Amino acid sequence: MIHYHAIITGRVQGVGFRYFVQGEAVNRGMKGWVRNTDEGHVELKVEGEQQEVLDFLKTVREGSPFSKVTDMQMEQLPEFAHYQDFRIKG
């Protein structure tokens, strides 16, 4: 199991990007959350099996048909939050 935090920048607000991320996460059995930031970015935290999380993050980096990801900063977190599901926050 691994736990990642990511900040995604680009055209990622107002284009359904959080719903895209949530759908990908749920389909892959990921746990965590995604939300918009006040700075116009999208932030997420995700937990799951290593290869599944890395594949998920690669798909998020590629973006949805209506988004344009220009950068994605990621860091692996040392501790687990034990999320119950994957949800859109605030």
Protein backbone atom coordinates (compact mmCIF):
# COMPACT_ATOMS: atom_id res chain seq x y z
CA MET A 1 0.00 0.00 0.00
CA ILE A 2 1.11 3.56 -0.75
CA HIS A 3 -0.32 7.01 0.02
CA TYR A 4 0.19 9.98 -2.33
CA HIS A 5 -0.62 13.67 -2.27
CA ALA A 6 -0.83 15.59 -5.56
CA ILE A 7 -1.49 19.12 -6.78
CA ILE A 8 -2.66 19.32 -10.39
CA THR A 9 -2.44 22.59 -12.31
CA GLY A 10 -3.77 23.69 -15.67
CA ARG A 11 -7.35 23.90 -16.95
CA VAL A 12 -8.71 21.64 -14.20
CA GLN A 13 -11.55 23.67 -12.68
CA GLY A 14 -14.95 24.13 -14.29
CA VAL A 15 -14.42 21.22 -16.69
CA GLY A 16 -15.59 18.24 -14.59
CA PHE A 17 -12.05 17.23 -13.67
CA ARG A 18 -12.85 16.27 -10.06
CA TYR A 19 -15.62 13.96 -11.29
CA PHE A 20 -13.21 12.43 -13.79
CA VAL A 21 -10.69 11.83 -10.99
CA GLN A 22 -13.33 10.37 -8.70
CA GLY A 23 -14.62 8.06 -11.42
CA GLU A 24 -11.13 6.78 -12.22
CA ALA A 25 -10.41 6.26 -8.52
CA VAL A 26 -13.64 4.38 -7.82
CA ASN A 27 -13.21 2.17 -10.89
CA ARG A 28 -9.73 1.24 -9.68
CA GLY A 29 -10.67 0.70 -6.04
CA MET A 30 -8.68 3.68 -4.75
CA LYS A 31 -9.45 5.43 -1.47
CA GLY A 32 -8.99 9.13 -0.76
CA TRP A 33 -10.36 12.48 -1.87
CA VAL A 34 -10.12 15.26 -4.46
CA ARG A 35 -10.96 18.96 -4.19
CA ASN A 36 -10.52 22.33 -5.89
CA THR A 37 -8.09 24.78 -4.31
CA ASP A 38 -8.59 28.52 -3.97
CA GLU A 39 -5.59 28.99 -6.29
CA GLY A 40 -7.39 27.32 -9.22
CA HIS A 41 -5.69 23.94 -8.92
CA VAL A 42 -6.97 20.51 -7.94
CA GLU A 43 -5.59 18.65 -4.93
CA LEU A 44 -5.93 14.97 -4.17
CA LYS A 45 -4.82 12.31 -1.74
CA VAL A 46 -5.01 8.66 -2.69
CA GLU A 47 -4.20 5.32 -1.05
CA GLY A 48 -4.04 1.88 -2.59
CA GLU A 49 -1.81 -0.84 -3.95
CA GLN A 50 1.40 0.58 -5.40
CA GLN A 51 0.95 -0.25 -9.08
CA GLU A 52 -2.73 0.71 -9.09
CA VAL A 53 -1.99 4.09 -7.50
CA LEU A 54 0.85 4.79 -9.93
CA ASP A 55 -1.37 3.85 -12.89
CA PHE A 56 -4.16 6.06 -11.49
CA LEU A 57 -1.80 9.02 -11.09
CA LYS A 58 -0.57 8.56 -14.66
CA THR A 59 -4.17 8.69 -15.92
CA VAL A 60 -4.87 11.80 -13.83
CA ARG A 61 -1.74 13.42 -15.31
CA GLU A 62 -3.03 12.71 -18.81
CA GLY A 63 -6.31 14.45 -17.88
CA SER A 64 -9.86 14.20 -19.10
CA PRO A 65 -11.07 15.17 -22.59
CA PHE A 66 -12.12 18.64 -21.36
CA SER A 67 -9.14 19.40 -19.12
CA LYS A 68 -5.54 20.35 -19.81
CA VAL A 69 -3.07 19.35 -17.13
CA THR A 70 0.09 21.46 -17.33
CA ASP A 71 1.81 20.24 -14.15
CA MET A 72 1.33 17.68 -11.41
CA GLN A 73 3.38 17.81 -8.23
CA MET A 74 3.31 14.53 -6.30
CA GLU A 75 4.76 13.32 -3.05
CA GLN A 76 4.52 9.96 -1.37
CA LEU A 77 3.32 10.28 2.21
CA PRO A 78 4.87 8.16 4.98
CA GLU A 79 1.66 7.47 6.91
CA PHE A 80 -1.75 6.15 5.92
CA ALA A 81 -5.08 7.87 6.52
CA HIS A 82 -7.18 4.70 6.00
CA TYR A 83 -9.83 6.44 3.90
CA GLN A 84 -13.14 4.60 3.60
CA ASP A 85 -13.91 5.57 -0.01
CA PHE A 86 -12.95 8.13 -2.66
CA ARG A 87 -14.92 11.34 -2.50
CA ILE A 88 -15.06 14.90 -3.75
CA LYS A 89 -14.47 17.32 -0.89
CA GLY A 90 -15.97 20.82 -0.65
